[in-house]
Structures are given as structure tokens and as C-alpha cells.
Protein backbone atom coordinates (compact mmCIF):
# COMPACT_ATOMS: atom_id res chain seq x y z
CA MET A 1 11.81 -0.75 1.12
CA PRO A 2 8.19 -1.30 0.15
CA GLY A 3 5.87 1.67 -0.07
CA VAL A 4 2.92 1.63 2.25
CA PHE A 5 -0.56 2.67 1.20
CA ALA A 6 -2.18 4.07 4.30
CA SER A 7 -5.80 4.96 4.91
CA LEU A 8 -8.65 4.02 7.19
CA THR A 9 -8.95 0.26 7.42
CA VAL A 10 -11.54 -2.26 8.48
CA LEU A 11 -9.58 -5.34 9.58
CA GLY A 12 -9.46 -7.93 6.85
CA GLU A 13 -10.87 -5.51 4.29
CA THR A 14 -9.15 -2.82 2.27
CA ARG A 15 -10.76 0.48 1.34
CA ILE A 16 -8.64 0.73 -1.78
CA PRO A 17 -11.04 0.39 -4.71
CA ARG A 18 -10.87 -2.90 -6.60
CA PRO A 19 -9.90 -1.22 -9.91
CA VAL A 20 -6.94 0.43 -8.14
CA LEU A 21 -5.84 -2.93 -6.70
CA THR A 22 -6.07 -4.42 -10.18
CA GLU A 23 -3.88 -1.64 -11.56
CA LEU A 24 -1.37 -2.05 -8.70
CA ARG A 25 -1.09 -5.75 -9.52
CA ALA A 26 -0.56 -4.88 -13.19
CA ILE A 27 2.18 -2.39 -12.30
CA ALA A 28 4.19 -4.36 -9.74
CA GLY A 29 2.88 -7.93 -9.89
CA SER A 30 0.61 -9.76 -7.45
CA GLU A 31 3.63 -11.19 -5.63
CA ASN A 32 4.68 -7.65 -4.64
CA LEU A 33 1.29 -6.51 -3.31
CA ARG A 34 0.46 -7.45 0.26
CA LEU A 35 -3.10 -7.19 1.55
CA ALA A 36 -3.40 -9.80 4.31
CA ASP A 37 -3.57 -8.54 7.89
CA GLY A 38 -0.66 -10.79 8.89
CA ASP A 39 1.53 -9.24 6.19
CA LEU A 40 0.45 -5.67 6.97
CA VAL A 41 0.82 -5.65 10.75
CA VAL A 42 4.61 -5.38 10.55
CA TYR A 43 4.15 -2.07 8.69
CA ALA A 44 1.66 -0.67 11.21
CA ARG A 45 4.31 1.05 13.35
CA ASP A 46 7.89 2.17 13.40
CA ALA A 47 10.42 2.91 16.13
CA THR A 48 8.31 5.74 17.55
CA PRO A 49 5.54 4.51 19.83
CA LEU A 50 3.35 7.55 19.09
CA PHE A 51 2.42 6.79 15.50
CA ARG A 52 0.58 3.63 14.56
CA GLY A 53 -1.83 2.77 11.81
CA MET A 54 -2.61 -0.37 9.88
CA PRO A 55 -2.00 0.17 6.15
CA ASP A 56 -4.53 -1.05 3.63
CA ALA A 57 -1.80 -2.39 1.38
CA VAL A 58 1.96 -2.65 1.07
CA ILE A 59 3.59 -2.74 -2.34
CA ALA A 60 7.22 -3.39 -3.24
CA PRO A 61 7.98 -1.73 -6.58
CA ALA A 62 11.00 -3.02 -8.49
CA ASP A 63 12.22 0.22 -10.04
CA ALA A 64 11.73 3.97 -10.37
CA GLU A 65 9.25 3.57 -13.22
CA GLN A 66 6.98 1.43 -11.05
CA VAL A 67 7.30 3.93 -8.19
CA ALA A 68 6.26 6.76 -10.52
CA ARG A 69 3.27 4.81 -11.86
CA ILE A 70 2.15 3.81 -8.36
CA LEU A 71 2.43 7.37 -7.04
CA ARG A 72 0.53 8.72 -10.07
CA LEU A 73 -2.22 6.14 -9.50
CA ALA A 74 -2.43 6.95 -5.79
CA THR A 75 -2.57 10.69 -6.51
CA ASP A 76 -5.28 10.25 -9.13
CA HIS A 77 -7.42 8.38 -6.59
CA GLY A 78 -6.62 10.45 -3.51
CA ILE A 79 -4.90 7.55 -1.74
CA PRO A 80 -2.22 8.61 0.75
CA VAL A 81 1.19 6.93 0.50
CA VAL A 82 3.79 6.50 3.21
CA PRO A 83 7.25 5.68 1.81
């Protein structure tokens, strides 16, 4: 299951800094990083109606090494992650 980067969002615009997005692409590949509103909306809620929030990005790492690198990057930049 892809990891979800969650933070405050302006529709159509991510608040994740451009250098972080560049690094995410380098880690997992552009094809595994979703930023478009249409791709993100399906990750904005789960089975509980109480919690909703549009993620800034969704990334699908291929292995544990990518997960570790992504989590380290997010921690270094203070970006919350929802698994």
C-alpha cells in the first residue's frame, strides 16, 4: 500500500518543497509519486467518516530500503507521513 504524505494542502498545489519532491522522485521513481488532485482524492479518507484530509502526495515505494529513505527524508524535513 502506498504511503501517504499528509499536510496542509492548497488544492492543485503541494506544500512539499520542490527539493523534497525531487528527492522522492529519485528514491522511488516519478511513476510512483502521485501529486494530481484526481490521484490524491482516493487517499483523502478511509472507512471512518470522522477523519478526512487531502494528502499533498502519495508515494508507492518498491521495497524496505525505499521506505527507510522516504521516512528519513520526511523526518529531516518535518513532513508527516501516514502509512
